[in-house]
């Protein structure tokens, strides 16, 4: 008894490993966003302690360096997480395909 492979008809609905549904932000833009967030955190910190907005510029610089570095380092980690989730999703979709094929074979075999 040979088993022929039956393929689902709507394969375009499945996500493959090559497909990344998320738009990737460049590393430069992420660093600029981190520096901007850092400066904003410096302003908020000065406001929290009721100081003038431009006082203690080292606070702004510290936050800018910290968040800029964090955004730079998280670039590859974010890509790793997205690829891992897509890989997990493709494994799940493969199981769904196998179940669809089994249902289709049973339907053809028993006619119901």
C-alpha atoms as a PDB file:
ATOM      1  CA  UNK A   1       0.000   0.000   0.000  1.00  0.00           C
ATOM      2  CA  UNK A   2       1.608   3.235  -1.140  1.00  0.00           C
ATOM      3  CA  UNK A   3       0.735   6.429   0.548  1.00  0.00           C
ATOM      4  CA  UNK A   4       0.449   9.483  -1.623  1.00  0.00           C
ATOM      5  CA  UNK A   5       0.939  12.929  -0.207  1.00  0.00           C
ATOM      6  CA  UNK A   6      -2.151  15.100  -0.244  1.00  0.00           C
ATOM      7  CA  UNK A   7      -1.429  18.777   0.045  1.00  0.00           C
ATOM      8  CA  UNK A   8      -3.879  21.294   1.506  1.00  0.00           C
ATOM      9  CA  UNK A   9      -5.418  23.614  -1.048  1.00  0.00           C
ATOM     10  CA  UNK A  10      -4.945  26.880   0.860  1.00  0.00           C
ATOM     11  CA  UNK A  11      -1.211  26.881   1.588  1.00  0.00           C
ATOM     12  CA  UNK A  12      -0.923  30.654   1.132  1.00  0.00           C
ATOM     13  CA  UNK A  13      -2.565  31.131   4.541  1.00  0.00           C
ATOM     14  CA  UNK A  14       0.377  29.547   6.343  1.00  0.00           C
ATOM     15  CA  UNK A  15       3.420  31.455   7.556  1.00  0.00           C
ATOM     16  CA  UNK A  16       6.805  30.107   6.577  1.00  0.00           C
ATOM     17  CA  UNK A  17      10.111  30.589   8.387  1.00  0.00           C
ATOM     18  CA  UNK A  18      11.265  33.019   5.703  1.00  0.00           C
ATOM     19  CA  UNK A  19       8.322  35.328   6.328  1.00  0.00           C
ATOM     20  CA  UNK A  20       8.809  37.979   8.982  1.00  0.00           C
ATOM     21  CA  UNK A  21       5.521  39.830   9.515  1.00  0.00           C
ATOM     22  CA  UNK A  22       7.140  42.593  11.560  1.00  0.00           C
ATOM     23  CA  UNK A  23       8.847  45.607  10.029  1.00  0.00           C
ATOM     24  CA  UNK A  24      12.392  45.733  11.293  1.00  0.00           C
ATOM     25  CA  UNK A  25      13.649  49.090  12.556  1.00  0.00           C
ATOM     26  CA  UNK A  26      17.262  49.816  11.670  1.00  0.00           C
ATOM     27  CA  UNK A  27      19.872  49.770  14.404  1.00  0.00           C
ATOM     28  CA  UNK A  28      20.655  53.463  13.911  1.00  0.00           C
ATOM     29  CA  UNK A  29      17.018  54.459  14.393  1.00  0.00           C
ATOM     30  CA  UNK A  30      16.801  52.294  17.504  1.00  0.00           C
ATOM     31  CA  UNK A  31      19.874  53.997  19.008  1.00  0.00           C
ATOM     32  CA  UNK A  32      18.447  57.440  18.207  1.00  0.00           C
ATOM     33  CA  UNK A  33      15.145  56.419  19.817  1.00  0.00           C
ATOM     34  CA  UNK A  34      17.043  55.190  22.891  1.00  0.00           C
ATOM     35  CA  UNK A  35      18.986  58.444  23.202  1.00  0.00           C
ATOM     36  CA  UNK A  36      15.756  60.438  22.832  1.00  0.00           C
ATOM     37  CA  UNK A  37      14.075  58.333  25.498  1.00  0.00           C
ATOM     38  CA  UNK A  38      17.115  58.794  27.728  1.00  0.00           C
ATOM     39  CA  UNK A  39      16.991  62.566  27.426  1.00  0.00           C
ATOM     40  CA  UNK A  40      13.254  62.439  28.161  1.00  0.00           C
ATOM     41  CA  UNK A  41      13.930  60.332  31.254  1.00  0.00           C
ATOM     42  CA  UNK A  42      16.487  62.932  32.368  1.00  0.00           C
ATOM     43  CA  UNK A  43      13.870  65.677  32.000  1.00  0.00           C
ATOM     44  CA  UNK A  44      11.338  63.604  33.956  1.00  0.00           C
ATOM     45  CA  UNK A  45      13.912  62.877  36.671  1.00  0.00           C
ATOM     46  CA  UNK A  46      14.696  66.575  37.032  1.00  0.00           C
ATOM     47  CA  UNK A  47      10.980  67.355  37.141  1.00  0.00           C
ATOM     48  CA  UNK A  48      10.449  64.712  39.805  1.00  0.00           C
ATOM     49  CA  UNK A  49      13.051  66.364  42.041  1.00  0.00           C
ATOM     50  CA  UNK A  50      11.641  69.840  41.223  1.00  0.00           C
ATOM     51  CA  UNK A  51      14.788  71.086  39.500  1.00  0.00           C
ATOM     52  CA  UNK A  52      14.921  73.243  36.371  1.00  0.00           C
ATOM     53  CA  UNK A  53      14.655  71.224  33.172  1.00  0.00           C
ATOM     54  CA  UNK A  54      18.227  71.865  31.965  1.00  0.00           C
ATOM     55  CA  UNK A  55      20.011  71.439  35.283  1.00  0.00           C
ATOM     56  CA  UNK A  56      22.292  68.461  35.936  1.00  0.00           C
ATOM     57  CA  UNK A  57      23.114  67.641  32.296  1.00  0.00           C
ATOM     58  CA  UNK A  58      25.029  64.560  33.422  1.00  0.00           C
ATOM     59  CA  UNK A  59      21.658  62.986  34.339  1.00  0.00           C
ATOM     60  CA  UNK A  60      20.461  63.452  30.759  1.00  0.00           C
ATOM     61  CA  UNK A  61      23.736  62.072  29.409  1.00  0.00           C
ATOM     62  CA  UNK A  62      23.621  59.070  31.737  1.00  0.00           C
ATOM     63  CA  UNK A  63      20.073  58.161  30.733  1.00  0.00           C
ATOM     64  CA  UNK A  64      20.851  58.748  27.037  1.00  0.00           C
ATOM     65  CA  UNK A  65      23.905  56.472  27.125  1.00  0.00           C
ATOM     66  CA  UNK A  66      22.093  53.785  29.122  1.00  0.00           C
ATOM     67  CA  UNK A  67      18.982  53.621  26.944  1.00  0.00           C
ATOM     68  CA  UNK A  68      20.924  54.075  23.693  1.00  0.00           C
ATOM     69  CA  UNK A  69      23.124  51.114  24.638  1.00  0.00           C
ATOM     70  CA  UNK A  70      20.106  49.053  25.662  1.00  0.00           C
ATOM     71  CA  UNK A  71      18.375  49.711  22.346  1.00  0.00           C
ATOM     72  CA  UNK A  72      21.587  48.865  20.456  1.00  0.00           C
ATOM     73  CA  UNK A  73      22.068  45.572  22.303  1.00  0.00           C
ATOM     74  CA  UNK A  74      18.402  44.565  22.063  1.00  0.00           C
ATOM     75  CA  UNK A  75      18.464  44.721  18.231  1.00  0.00           C
ATOM     76  CA  UNK A  76      19.780  41.173  17.742  1.00  0.00           C
ATOM     77  CA  UNK A  77      17.795  39.815  20.683  1.00  0.00           C
ATOM     78  CA  UNK A  78      14.559  41.155  19.196  1.00  0.00           C
ATOM     79  CA  UNK A  79      15.360  39.474  15.868  1.00  0.00           C
ATOM     80  CA  UNK A  80      16.079  36.201  17.700  1.00  0.00           C
ATOM     81  CA  UNK A  81      12.737  36.341  19.538  1.00  0.00           C
ATOM     82  CA  UNK A  82      10.770  37.007  16.328  1.00  0.00           C
ATOM     83  CA  UNK A  83      12.488  34.146  14.472  1.00  0.00           C
ATOM     84  CA  UNK A  84      11.907  31.783  17.402  1.00  0.00           C
ATOM     85  CA  UNK A  85       8.203  32.651  17.545  1.00  0.00           C
ATOM     86  CA  UNK A  86       7.816  32.201  13.784  1.00  0.00           C
ATOM     87  CA  UNK A  87       9.588  28.831  13.998  1.00  0.00           C
ATOM     88  CA  UNK A  88       7.240  27.726  16.802  1.00  0.00           C
ATOM     89  CA  UNK A  89       4.262  28.896  14.764  1.00  0.00           C
ATOM     90  CA  UNK A  90       5.437  26.967  11.704  1.00  0.00           C
ATOM     91  CA  UNK A  91       5.775  23.782  13.801  1.00  0.00           C
ATOM     92  CA  UNK A  92       2.215  24.263  15.048  1.00  0.00           C
ATOM     93  CA  UNK A  93       0.991  24.861  11.502  1.00  0.00           C
ATOM     94  CA  UNK A  94       2.727  21.673  10.365  1.00  0.00           C
ATOM     95  CA  UNK A  95       0.746  19.748  12.981  1.00  0.00           C
ATOM     96  CA  UNK A  96      -2.454  21.408  11.779  1.00  0.00           C
ATOM     97  CA  UNK A  97      -1.591  20.403   8.192  1.00  0.00           C
ATOM     98  CA  UNK A  98      -1.048  16.800   9.263  1.00  0.00           C
ATOM     99  CA  UNK A  99      -4.429  16.773  11.008  1.00  0.00           C
ATOM    100  CA  UNK A 100      -6.104  18.244   7.919  1.00  0.00           C
ATOM    101  CA  UNK A 101      -4.506  15.595   5.722  1.00  0.00           C
ATOM    102  CA  UNK A 102      -5.581  12.843   8.095  1.00  0.00           C
ATOM    103  CA  UNK A 103      -9.159  14.144   8.131  1.00  0.00           C
ATOM    104  CA  UNK A 104      -9.147  14.375   4.348  1.00  0.00           C
ATOM    105  CA  UNK A 105      -7.846  10.813   3.981  1.00  0.00           C
ATOM    106  CA  UNK A 106     -10.444   9.494   6.419  1.00  0.00           C
ATOM    107  CA  UNK A 107     -13.169  11.376   4.583  1.00  0.00           C
ATOM    108  CA  UNK A 108     -12.066   9.873   1.256  1.00  0.00           C
ATOM    109  CA  UNK A 109     -11.673   6.405   2.736  1.00  0.00           C
ATOM    110  CA  UNK A 110     -14.980   6.207   4.582  1.00  0.00           C
ATOM    111  CA  UNK A 111     -16.939   8.646   2.436  1.00  0.00           C
ATOM    112  CA  UNK A 112     -18.228  10.730   5.308  1.00  0.00           C
END
